[in-house]
Amino acid sequence: IAVVPPIQAVLFAEFDVIGGPVISHCYPPEYVDLHPLAELRNILIPKNVVWNEMMSFTYDDLLFVGRPICILGSSSAPKYLRGYLLFNLVFVVELAEDEESTPYITALEKLSGSLRQLEELDNWIWERSTQNTQNKHQAQGCAHHHYEEGMSICKILRRIYEDFNGHGRVVIPINDMNILSV
């Protein structure tokens, strides 16, 4: 019988026009301090060959599962500094022979798709992005992001981590109109 391993961390990586690929949010926040993940940022925010496709890789006895999402801006109303928004929601789990990552792939496909829709409909990610110059002065990581009202990327990562590990499902009200549910 396959065992579903607990999520060790939930990462949100994005392409920053100044810093390049960055892990801008992580839950638990201390995970990035305990693990040398900075060297993985070019894998977490890859070249366009794997944009909008599921990806996974192993590193240091950990399995990283994500789906890099690229949303193109329009030439008539450009809002993204490079003409596109690139982000990746990533689950980190420990590797073991009898464990199964399939539930994470299904969950990430749905969560990534929902985040894409939130951005396309309401600019939800862009308004919370480190690329957005209004947010640029804020420190990176979840411990220091207190500038936004309501549901934030950090709060979503925390809820995914806690709900998935505790209940095996995630239901997160984003606002009056949107709910993330897996």
N, C-alpha and C. Protein backbone atom coordinates (compact mmCIF):
# COMPACT_ATOMS: atom_id res chain seq x y z
N ILE A 1 0.85 -1.18 0.00
CA ILE A 1 0.00 0.00 0.00
C ILE A 1 0.89 1.24 0.00
N ALA A 2 0.61 2.13 -0.93
CA ALA A 2 1.38 3.37 -1.03
C ALA A 2 0.95 4.35 0.06
N VAL A 3 1.91 5.01 0.63
CA VAL A 3 1.66 6.00 1.67
C VAL A 3 1.89 7.38 1.06
N VAL A 4 0.98 8.30 1.33
CA VAL A 4 1.15 9.66 0.85
C VAL A 4 1.99 10.41 1.90
N PRO A 5 3.18 10.86 1.52
CA PRO A 5 4.04 11.55 2.48
C PRO A 5 3.50 12.93 2.82
N PRO A 6 3.77 13.40 4.02
CA PRO A 6 3.33 14.77 4.34
C PRO A 6 4.13 15.79 3.53
N ILE A 7 3.51 16.92 3.29
CA ILE A 7 4.20 18.01 2.62
C ILE A 7 5.19 18.61 3.61
N GLN A 8 6.45 18.74 3.19
CA GLN A 8 7.47 19.35 4.03
C GLN A 8 7.44 20.88 3.93
N ALA A 9 7.12 21.38 2.73
CA ALA A 9 7.05 22.83 2.51
C ALA A 9 6.22 23.11 1.26
N VAL A 10 5.66 24.30 1.22
CA VAL A 10 4.96 24.80 0.04
C VAL A 10 5.70 26.07 -0.37
N LEU A 11 6.14 26.11 -1.62
CA LEU A 11 6.91 27.25 -2.13
C LEU A 11 6.11 28.00 -3.19
N PHE A 12 6.33 29.29 -3.26
CA PHE A 12 5.82 30.10 -4.36
C PHE A 12 7.02 30.80 -4.97
N ALA A 13 7.37 30.39 -6.18
CA ALA A 13 8.50 30.99 -6.89
C ALA A 13 7.94 31.84 -8.01
N GLU A 14 8.67 32.91 -8.34
CA GLU A 14 8.25 33.77 -9.44
C GLU A 14 9.47 34.36 -10.11
N PHE A 15 9.25 34.87 -11.33
CA PHE A 15 10.34 35.54 -12.02
C PHE A 15 10.26 37.02 -11.70
N ASP A 16 11.28 37.52 -11.03
CA ASP A 16 11.38 38.92 -10.66
C ASP A 16 12.24 39.63 -11.70
N VAL A 17 11.78 40.76 -12.22
CA VAL A 17 12.50 41.44 -13.30
C VAL A 17 13.88 41.93 -12.88
N ILE A 18 14.10 42.16 -11.61
CA ILE A 18 15.42 42.58 -11.13
C ILE A 18 16.23 41.40 -10.61
N GLY A 19 15.61 40.56 -9.79
CA GLY A 19 16.32 39.45 -9.15
C GLY A 19 16.33 38.15 -9.94
N GLY A 20 15.57 38.10 -11.05
CA GLY A 20 15.46 36.84 -11.78
C GLY A 20 14.57 35.87 -11.03
N PRO A 21 14.77 34.58 -11.21
CA PRO A 21 13.95 33.60 -10.50
C PRO A 21 14.19 33.69 -8.99
N VAL A 22 13.10 33.78 -8.22
CA VAL A 22 13.22 33.85 -6.77
C VAL A 22 12.15 32.97 -6.12
N ILE A 23 12.46 32.47 -4.96
CA ILE A 23 11.45 31.84 -4.11
C ILE A 23 10.95 32.99 -3.23
N SER A 24 9.81 33.54 -3.60
CA SER A 24 9.33 34.75 -2.93
C SER A 24 8.53 34.45 -1.67
N HIS A 25 7.95 33.27 -1.58
CA HIS A 25 7.15 32.90 -0.41
C HIS A 25 7.39 31.43 -0.10
N CYS A 26 7.37 31.09 1.18
CA CYS A 26 7.58 29.71 1.60
C CYS A 26 6.85 29.48 2.92
N TYR A 27 6.21 28.33 3.02
CA TYR A 27 5.64 27.93 4.31
C TYR A 27 6.02 26.49 4.56
N PRO A 28 6.56 26.19 5.75
CA PRO A 28 6.87 27.11 6.83
C PRO A 28 8.01 28.05 6.45
N PRO A 29 7.95 29.29 6.95
CA PRO A 29 8.91 30.31 6.51
C PRO A 29 10.37 29.96 6.77
N GLU A 30 10.64 29.22 7.83
CA GLU A 30 12.02 28.87 8.16
C GLU A 30 12.59 27.77 7.26
N TYR A 31 11.76 27.16 6.45
CA TYR A 31 12.22 26.07 5.59
C TYR A 31 13.34 26.51 4.66
N VAL A 32 13.22 27.70 4.09
CA VAL A 32 14.26 28.18 3.17
C VAL A 32 15.57 28.46 3.91
N ASP A 33 15.48 28.81 5.17
CA ASP A 33 16.70 29.02 5.96
C ASP A 33 17.40 27.70 6.29
N LEU A 34 16.61 26.64 6.46
CA LEU A 34 17.16 25.34 6.85
C LEU A 34 17.66 24.52 5.66
N HIS A 35 17.17 24.84 4.46
CA HIS A 35 17.52 24.08 3.26
C HIS A 35 18.06 25.04 2.20
N PRO A 36 19.16 24.68 1.55
CA PRO A 36 19.76 25.56 0.53
C PRO A 36 18.98 25.52 -0.78
N LEU A 37 17.86 26.22 -0.83
CA LEU A 37 16.99 26.15 -2.01
C LEU A 37 17.30 27.22 -3.05
N ALA A 38 18.08 28.21 -2.71
CA ALA A 38 18.36 29.30 -3.65
C ALA A 38 18.97 28.78 -4.94
N GLU A 39 19.79 27.74 -4.85
CA GLU A 39 20.41 27.20 -6.06
C GLU A 39 19.41 26.48 -6.96
N LEU A 40 18.20 26.24 -6.46
CA LEU A 40 17.17 25.56 -7.27
C LEU A 40 16.24 26.54 -7.99
N ARG A 41 16.43 27.82 -7.79
CA ARG A 41 15.48 28.79 -8.34
C ARG A 41 15.37 28.74 -9.85
N ASN A 42 16.46 28.43 -10.57
CA ASN A 42 16.39 28.34 -12.03
C ASN A 42 15.64 27.08 -12.49
N ILE A 43 15.56 26.09 -11.61
CA ILE A 43 14.75 24.90 -11.92
C ILE A 43 13.29 25.18 -11.59
N LEU A 44 13.05 25.88 -10.49
CA LEU A 44 11.67 26.18 -10.08
C LEU A 44 10.99 27.16 -11.02
N ILE A 45 11.77 28.08 -11.59
CA ILE A 45 11.26 28.99 -12.62
C ILE A 45 12.07 28.69 -13.89
N PRO A 46 11.62 27.69 -14.65
CA PRO A 46 12.40 27.18 -15.77
C PRO A 46 12.21 27.98 -17.06
N LYS A 47 12.94 27.57 -18.07
CA LYS A 47 12.76 28.12 -19.42
C LYS A 47 11.39 27.72 -19.93
N ASN A 48 10.96 28.34 -21.00
CA ASN A 48 9.60 28.16 -21.49
C ASN A 48 9.25 26.78 -22.01
N VAL A 49 10.18 25.87 -22.06
CA VAL A 49 9.91 24.52 -22.54
C VAL A 49 8.87 23.82 -21.66
N VAL A 50 8.89 24.08 -20.36
CA VAL A 50 7.97 23.39 -19.46
C VAL A 50 6.93 24.32 -18.82
N TRP A 51 6.77 25.52 -19.34
CA TRP A 51 5.73 26.38 -18.81
C TRP A 51 4.37 25.72 -18.99
N ASN A 52 3.54 25.85 -17.99
CA ASN A 52 2.16 25.34 -17.99
C ASN A 52 2.08 23.82 -18.05
N GLU A 53 3.17 23.14 -17.71
CA GLU A 53 3.20 21.68 -17.64
C GLU A 53 3.62 21.25 -16.24
N MET A 54 3.14 20.09 -15.81
CA MET A 54 3.58 19.57 -14.52
C MET A 54 5.06 19.20 -14.61
N MET A 55 5.78 19.44 -13.53
CA MET A 55 7.19 19.09 -13.47
C MET A 55 7.50 18.54 -12.09
N SER A 56 8.47 17.67 -12.04
CA SER A 56 8.95 17.19 -10.74
C SER A 56 10.43 16.87 -10.89
N PHE A 57 11.14 17.00 -9.79
CA PHE A 57 12.55 16.64 -9.76
C PHE A 57 12.93 16.31 -8.32
N THR A 58 14.00 15.60 -8.18
CA THR A 58 14.49 15.26 -6.85
C THR A 58 15.77 16.02 -6.57
N TYR A 59 15.95 16.35 -5.30
CA TYR A 59 17.15 17.05 -4.87
C TYR A 59 17.32 16.77 -3.38
N ASP A 60 18.47 16.24 -3.01
CA ASP A 60 18.81 16.04 -1.61
C ASP A 60 17.73 15.25 -0.86
N ASP A 61 17.32 14.11 -1.41
CA ASP A 61 16.28 13.25 -0.82
C ASP A 61 14.92 13.92 -0.69
N LEU A 62 14.67 14.94 -1.51
CA LEU A 62 13.39 15.62 -1.52
C LEU A 62 12.81 15.57 -2.92
N LEU A 63 11.49 15.48 -3.00
CA LEU A 63 10.78 15.53 -4.27
C LEU A 63 10.10 16.89 -4.36
N PHE A 64 10.35 17.59 -5.45
CA PHE A 64 9.73 18.89 -5.72
C PHE A 64 8.73 18.67 -6.85
N VAL A 65 7.48 19.05 -6.62
CA VAL A 65 6.43 18.90 -7.63
C VAL A 65 5.81 20.27 -7.84
N GLY A 66 5.75 20.72 -9.09
CA GLY A 66 5.18 22.03 -9.38
C GLY A 66 4.63 22.11 -10.79
N ARG A 67 4.08 23.27 -11.09
CA ARG A 67 3.56 23.55 -12.43
C ARG A 67 3.80 25.02 -12.73
N PRO A 68 4.92 25.34 -13.39
CA PRO A 68 5.21 26.74 -13.71
C PRO A 68 4.13 27.31 -14.64
N ILE A 69 3.55 28.41 -14.23
CA ILE A 69 2.48 29.04 -15.00
C ILE A 69 2.99 30.35 -15.60
N CYS A 70 2.76 30.54 -16.88
CA CYS A 70 3.11 31.78 -17.57
C CYS A 70 1.82 32.40 -18.12
N ILE A 71 1.60 33.64 -17.74
CA ILE A 71 0.44 34.39 -18.23
C ILE A 71 0.97 35.57 -19.01
N LEU A 72 0.61 35.62 -20.28
CA LEU A 72 1.06 36.71 -21.14
C LEU A 72 0.19 37.94 -20.96
N GLY A 73 0.83 39.09 -20.92
CA GLY A 73 0.09 40.34 -20.89
C GLY A 73 -0.33 40.70 -22.30
N SER A 74 -1.21 41.65 -22.43
CA SER A 74 -1.62 42.07 -23.77
C SER A 74 -0.80 43.28 -24.20
N SER A 75 -0.54 43.38 -25.48
CA SER A 75 0.24 44.51 -25.99
C SER A 75 -0.56 45.81 -25.92
N SER A 76 -1.89 45.72 -25.93
CA SER A 76 -2.71 46.92 -25.87
C SER A 76 -2.84 47.46 -24.45
N ALA A 77 -2.69 46.59 -23.45
CA ALA A 77 -2.77 47.04 -22.06
C ALA A 77 -1.73 46.28 -21.23
N PRO A 78 -0.45 46.62 -21.44
CA PRO A 78 0.59 45.87 -20.72
C PRO A 78 0.59 46.19 -19.22
N LYS A 79 0.56 45.15 -18.42
CA LYS A 79 0.62 45.38 -16.98
C LYS A 79 1.83 44.70 -16.36
N TYR A 80 2.36 43.69 -17.01
CA TYR A 80 3.52 42.99 -16.48
C TYR A 80 4.79 43.64 -17.01
N LEU A 81 5.79 43.77 -16.17
CA LEU A 81 7.01 44.50 -16.53
C LEU A 81 7.77 43.86 -17.69
N ARG A 82 7.70 42.56 -17.85
CA ARG A 82 8.36 41.89 -18.98
C ARG A 82 7.34 41.36 -20.00
N GLY A 83 6.12 41.77 -19.85
CA GLY A 83 5.09 41.32 -20.78
C GLY A 83 4.45 40.00 -20.38
N TYR A 84 4.90 39.40 -19.28
CA TYR A 84 4.30 38.16 -18.80
C TYR A 84 4.53 38.02 -17.30
N LEU A 85 3.70 37.20 -16.68
CA LEU A 85 3.85 36.86 -15.27
C LEU A 85 4.17 35.38 -15.21
N LEU A 86 5.24 35.01 -14.53
CA LEU A 86 5.68 33.63 -14.43
C LEU A 86 5.79 33.26 -12.96
N PHE A 87 5.05 32.23 -12.56
CA PHE A 87 5.09 31.78 -11.16
C PHE A 87 4.96 30.27 -11.10
N ASN A 88 5.30 29.70 -9.95
CA ASN A 88 5.23 28.26 -9.76
C ASN A 88 4.88 27.97 -8.31
N LEU A 89 3.80 27.25 -8.10
CA LEU A 89 3.43 26.74 -6.79
C LEU A 89 4.04 25.35 -6.68
N VAL A 90 4.84 25.11 -5.64
CA VAL A 90 5.63 23.88 -5.54
C VAL A 90 5.40 23.21 -4.19
N PHE A 91 5.18 21.90 -4.22
CA PHE A 91 5.14 21.09 -3.00
C PHE A 91 6.48 20.40 -2.86
N VAL A 92 6.99 20.36 -1.63
CA VAL A 92 8.23 19.65 -1.32
C VAL A 92 7.88 18.51 -0.37
N VAL A 93 8.24 17.29 -0.76
CA VAL A 93 8.00 16.11 0.08
C VAL A 93 9.27 15.28 0.17
N GLU A 94 9.41 14.53 1.24
CA GLU A 94 10.56 13.65 1.38
C GLU A 94 10.37 12.43 0.48
N LEU A 95 11.47 11.95 -0.07
CA LEU A 95 11.45 10.77 -0.91
C LEU A 95 11.45 9.51 -0.06
N ALA A 96 10.66 8.54 -0.46
CA ALA A 96 10.69 7.21 0.14
C ALA A 96 10.16 6.24 -0.91
N GLU A 97 10.66 5.02 -0.89
CA GLU A 97 10.29 4.06 -1.94
C GLU A 97 8.82 3.72 -1.96
N ASP A 98 8.17 3.66 -0.80
CA ASP A 98 6.78 3.24 -0.75
C ASP A 98 5.79 4.40 -0.74
N GLU A 99 6.25 5.58 -1.08
CA GLU A 99 5.37 6.74 -1.05
C GLU A 99 4.93 7.13 -2.46
N GLU A 100 3.82 7.79 -2.53
CA GLU A 100 3.18 8.12 -3.80
C GLU A 100 3.04 9.63 -3.92
N SER A 101 3.43 10.20 -5.06
CA SER A 101 3.30 11.65 -5.26
C SER A 101 2.08 12.02 -6.10
N THR A 102 1.36 11.03 -6.61
CA THR A 102 0.23 11.30 -7.49
C THR A 102 -0.81 12.25 -6.89
N PRO A 103 -1.18 12.12 -5.61
CA PRO A 103 -2.16 13.08 -5.08
C PRO A 103 -1.68 14.52 -5.17
N TYR A 104 -0.39 14.73 -5.05
CA TYR A 104 0.16 16.08 -5.13
C TYR A 104 0.08 16.61 -6.55
N ILE A 105 0.29 15.76 -7.53
CA ILE A 105 0.22 16.19 -8.92
C ILE A 105 -1.20 16.66 -9.24
N THR A 106 -2.19 15.88 -8.86
CA THR A 106 -3.58 16.26 -9.10
C THR A 106 -3.93 17.55 -8.36
N ALA A 107 -3.52 17.65 -7.11
CA ALA A 107 -3.81 18.85 -6.32
C ALA A 107 -3.13 20.08 -6.92
N LEU A 108 -1.88 19.94 -7.32
CA LEU A 108 -1.16 21.08 -7.89
C LEU A 108 -1.73 21.51 -9.22
N GLU A 109 -2.18 20.56 -10.03
CA GLU A 109 -2.82 20.94 -11.30
C GLU A 109 -4.04 21.81 -11.02
N LYS A 110 -4.83 21.40 -10.06
CA LYS A 110 -6.05 22.15 -9.76
C LYS A 110 -5.72 23.50 -9.10
N LEU A 111 -4.82 23.50 -8.12
CA LEU A 111 -4.48 24.75 -7.44
C LEU A 111 -3.81 25.75 -8.39
N SER A 112 -2.89 25.26 -9.22
CA SER A 112 -2.22 26.15 -10.18
C SER A 112 -3.22 26.72 -11.18
N GLY A 113 -4.12 25.87 -11.64
CA GLY A 113 -5.16 26.34 -12.56
C GLY A 113 -6.05 27.39 -11.92
N SER A 114 -6.37 27.20 -10.65
CA SER A 114 -7.21 28.17 -9.93
C SER A 114 -6.47 29.49 -9.73
N LEU A 115 -5.18 29.42 -9.40
CA LEU A 115 -4.39 30.65 -9.26
C LEU A 115 -4.29 31.39 -10.59
N ARG A 116 -4.14 30.64 -11.66
CA ARG A 116 -4.10 31.26 -13.00
C ARG A 116 -5.41 32.00 -13.26
N GLN A 117 -6.54 31.36 -12.96
CA GLN A 117 -7.83 32.00 -13.17
C GLN A 117 -8.00 33.25 -12.31
N LEU A 118 -7.55 33.18 -11.05
CA LEU A 118 -7.62 34.35 -10.19
C LEU A 118 -6.84 35.52 -10.79
N GLU A 119 -5.68 35.21 -11.35
CA GLU A 119 -4.87 36.27 -11.97
C GLU A 119 -5.55 36.81 -13.23
N GLU A 120 -6.01 35.94 -14.07
CA GLU A 120 -6.62 36.38 -15.33
C GLU A 120 -7.89 37.18 -15.10
N LEU A 121 -8.64 36.86 -14.06
CA LEU A 121 -9.90 37.56 -13.79
C LEU A 121 -9.72 38.82 -12.95
N ASP A 122 -8.84 38.75 -11.94
CA ASP A 122 -8.77 39.83 -10.96
C ASP A 122 -7.38 40.39 -10.70
N ASN A 123 -6.36 39.99 -11.45
CA ASN A 123 -4.97 40.42 -11.19
C ASN A 123 -4.54 40.04 -9.77
N TRP A 124 -5.06 38.96 -9.24
CA TRP A 124 -4.87 38.62 -7.84
C TRP A 124 -3.40 38.36 -7.50
N ILE A 125 -2.69 37.65 -8.34
CA ILE A 125 -1.27 37.36 -8.06
C ILE A 125 -0.43 38.60 -8.29
N TRP A 126 -0.66 39.31 -9.38
CA TRP A 126 0.13 40.50 -9.70
C TRP A 126 0.05 41.52 -8.56
N GLU A 127 -1.12 41.69 -7.98
CA GLU A 127 -1.28 42.65 -6.89
C GLU A 127 -0.49 42.24 -5.65
N ARG A 128 -0.11 40.98 -5.56
CA ARG A 128 0.64 40.48 -4.41
C ARG A 128 2.07 40.09 -4.79
N SER A 129 2.45 40.34 -6.01
CA SER A 129 3.74 39.90 -6.54
C SER A 129 4.88 40.81 -6.09
N THR A 130 6.07 40.22 -5.96
CA THR A 130 7.25 41.04 -5.67
C THR A 130 7.63 41.89 -6.87
N GLN A 131 7.15 41.51 -8.07
CA GLN A 131 7.42 42.31 -9.27
C GLN A 131 6.66 43.63 -9.25
N ASN A 132 5.49 43.62 -8.65
CA ASN A 132 4.66 44.81 -8.61
C ASN A 132 5.40 45.86 -7.77
N THR A 133 5.71 46.98 -8.34
CA THR A 133 6.57 47.97 -7.68
C THR A 133 5.98 48.49 -6.37
N GLN A 134 4.68 48.42 -6.20
CA GLN A 134 4.08 48.85 -4.94
C GLN A 134 4.49 47.92 -3.80
N ASN A 135 4.78 46.66 -4.13
CA ASN A 135 5.14 45.68 -3.10
C ASN A 135 6.64 45.46 -3.01
N LYS A 136 7.41 46.06 -3.88
CA LYS A 136 8.84 45.80 -3.99
C LYS A 136 9.61 46.11 -2.71
N HIS A 137 9.15 47.09 -1.95
CA HIS A 137 9.87 47.48 -0.74
C HIS A 137 9.69 46.47 0.39
N GLN A 138 8.78 45.54 0.26
CA GLN A 138 8.53 44.58 1.32
C GLN A 138 9.58 43.47 1.32
N ALA A 139 9.87 42.94 2.50
CA ALA A 139 10.82 41.83 2.62
C ALA A 139 10.22 40.57 2.00
N GLN A 140 11.09 39.70 1.51
CA GLN A 140 10.61 38.45 0.93
C GLN A 140 10.37 37.43 2.03
N GLY A 141 9.57 36.43 1.72
CA GLY A 141 9.26 35.38 2.67
C GLY A 141 7.94 35.67 3.35
N CYS A 142 7.35 34.66 3.95
CA CYS A 142 6.03 34.83 4.56
C CYS A 142 6.06 35.53 5.90
N ALA A 143 7.15 35.48 6.59
CA ALA A 143 7.20 36.05 7.93
C ALA A 143 7.02 37.57 7.92
N HIS A 144 7.36 38.23 6.82
CA HIS A 144 7.35 39.70 6.81
C HIS A 144 6.27 40.31 5.93
N HIS A 145 5.43 39.52 5.32
CA HIS A 145 4.41 40.07 4.42
C HIS A 145 3.14 40.39 5.19
N HIS A 146 3.02 41.61 5.65
CA HIS A 146 1.83 42.04 6.38
C HIS A 146 1.14 43.19 5.67
N TYR A 147 1.52 43.49 4.45
CA TYR A 147 1.03 44.69 3.79
C TYR A 147 -0.30 44.53 3.11
N GLU A 148 -0.81 43.32 3.00
CA GLU A 148 -2.04 43.15 2.25
C GLU A 148 -3.20 42.71 3.13
N GLU A 149 -4.35 43.23 2.83
CA GLU A 149 -5.57 42.87 3.53
C GLU A 149 -6.09 41.56 2.95
N GLY A 150 -6.85 40.84 3.73
CA GLY A 150 -7.49 39.63 3.24
C GLY A 150 -6.51 38.50 2.99
N MET A 151 -6.86 37.64 2.07
CA MET A 151 -6.07 36.45 1.79
C MET A 151 -4.82 36.83 0.99
N SER A 152 -3.67 36.39 1.46
CA SER A 152 -2.41 36.67 0.80
C SER A 152 -1.81 35.36 0.28
N ILE A 153 -0.77 35.46 -0.52
CA ILE A 153 -0.07 34.27 -0.98
C ILE A 153 0.46 33.49 0.21
N CYS A 154 1.01 34.18 1.19
CA CYS A 154 1.55 33.51 2.39
C CYS A 154 0.47 32.76 3.14
N LYS A 155 -0.68 33.37 3.29
CA LYS A 155 -1.78 32.71 3.99
C LYS A 155 -2.26 31.48 3.22
N ILE A 156 -2.28 31.58 1.89
CA ILE A 156 -2.68 30.44 1.08
C ILE A 156 -1.68 29.29 1.26
N LEU A 157 -0.38 29.61 1.23
CA LEU A 157 0.63 28.56 1.41
C LEU A 157 0.47 27.88 2.77
N ARG A 158 0.25 28.69 3.81
CA ARG A 158 0.06 28.12 5.15
C ARG A 158 -1.16 27.21 5.20
N ARG A 159 -2.27 27.66 4.61
CA ARG A 159 -3.50 26.86 4.62
C ARG A 159 -3.33 25.58 3.81
N ILE A 160 -2.65 25.65 2.66
CA ILE A 160 -2.40 24.44 1.87
C ILE A 160 -1.60 23.45 2.71
N TYR A 161 -0.52 23.93 3.30
CA TYR A 161 0.36 23.09 4.12
C TYR A 161 -0.42 22.44 5.27
N GLU A 162 -1.12 23.25 6.04
CA GLU A 162 -1.83 22.75 7.22
C GLU A 162 -3.02 21.87 6.84
N ASP A 163 -3.83 22.32 5.88
CA ASP A 163 -5.03 21.56 5.53
C ASP A 163 -4.71 20.26 4.82
N PHE A 164 -3.76 20.30 3.89
CA PHE A 164 -3.42 19.08 3.16
C PHE A 164 -2.80 18.06 4.11
N ASN A 165 -1.87 18.49 4.96
CA ASN A 165 -1.24 17.57 5.90
C ASN A 165 -2.20 17.09 6.99
N GLY A 166 -3.10 17.96 7.42
CA GLY A 166 -4.01 17.62 8.52
C GLY A 166 -5.27 16.89 8.07
N HIS A 167 -5.80 17.24 6.91
CA HIS A 167 -7.10 16.71 6.49
C HIS A 167 -7.09 16.03 5.13
N GLY A 168 -6.01 16.19 4.38
CA GLY A 168 -5.95 15.60 3.04
C GLY A 168 -6.75 16.36 2.01
N ARG A 169 -7.24 17.52 2.36
CA ARG A 169 -8.00 18.35 1.42
C ARG A 169 -7.78 19.81 1.77
N VAL A 170 -8.08 20.68 0.82
CA VAL A 170 -7.88 22.11 1.01
C VAL A 170 -9.12 22.85 0.53
N VAL A 171 -9.66 23.71 1.37
CA VAL A 171 -10.76 24.60 1.00
C VAL A 171 -10.40 25.97 1.57
N ILE A 172 -10.10 26.91 0.67
CA ILE A 172 -9.64 28.23 1.08
C ILE A 172 -10.50 29.31 0.44
N PRO A 173 -11.27 30.05 1.24
CA PRO A 173 -11.99 31.19 0.67
C PRO A 173 -11.01 32.33 0.39
N ILE A 174 -10.93 32.75 -0.87
CA ILE A 174 -10.01 33.81 -1.28
C ILE A 174 -10.65 35.18 -1.08
N ASN A 175 -11.89 35.30 -1.53
CA ASN A 175 -12.67 36.52 -1.39
C ASN A 175 -14.14 36.14 -1.49
N ASP A 176 -15.00 37.11 -1.63
CA ASP A 176 -16.45 36.81 -1.68
C ASP A 176 -16.84 35.98 -2.90
N MET A 177 -16.03 36.00 -3.94
CA MET A 177 -16.38 35.35 -5.20
C MET A 177 -15.59 34.08 -5.49
N ASN A 178 -14.47 33.82 -4.79
CA ASN A 178 -13.58 32.72 -5.17
C ASN A 178 -13.17 31.86 -3.98
N ILE A 179 -13.15 30.54 -4.23
CA ILE A 179 -12.70 29.55 -3.26
C ILE A 179 -11.74 28.61 -3.95
N LEU A 180 -10.59 28.35 -3.31
CA LEU A 180 -9.68 27.30 -3.78
C LEU A 180 -10.09 26.02 -3.07
N SER A 181 -10.34 24.97 -3.82
CA SER A 181 -10.82 23.72 -3.23
C SER A 181 -10.17 22.53 -3.94
N VAL A 182 -9.53 21.67 -3.15
CA VAL A 182 -8.93 20.44 -3.68
C VAL A 182 -9.25 19.33 -2.72
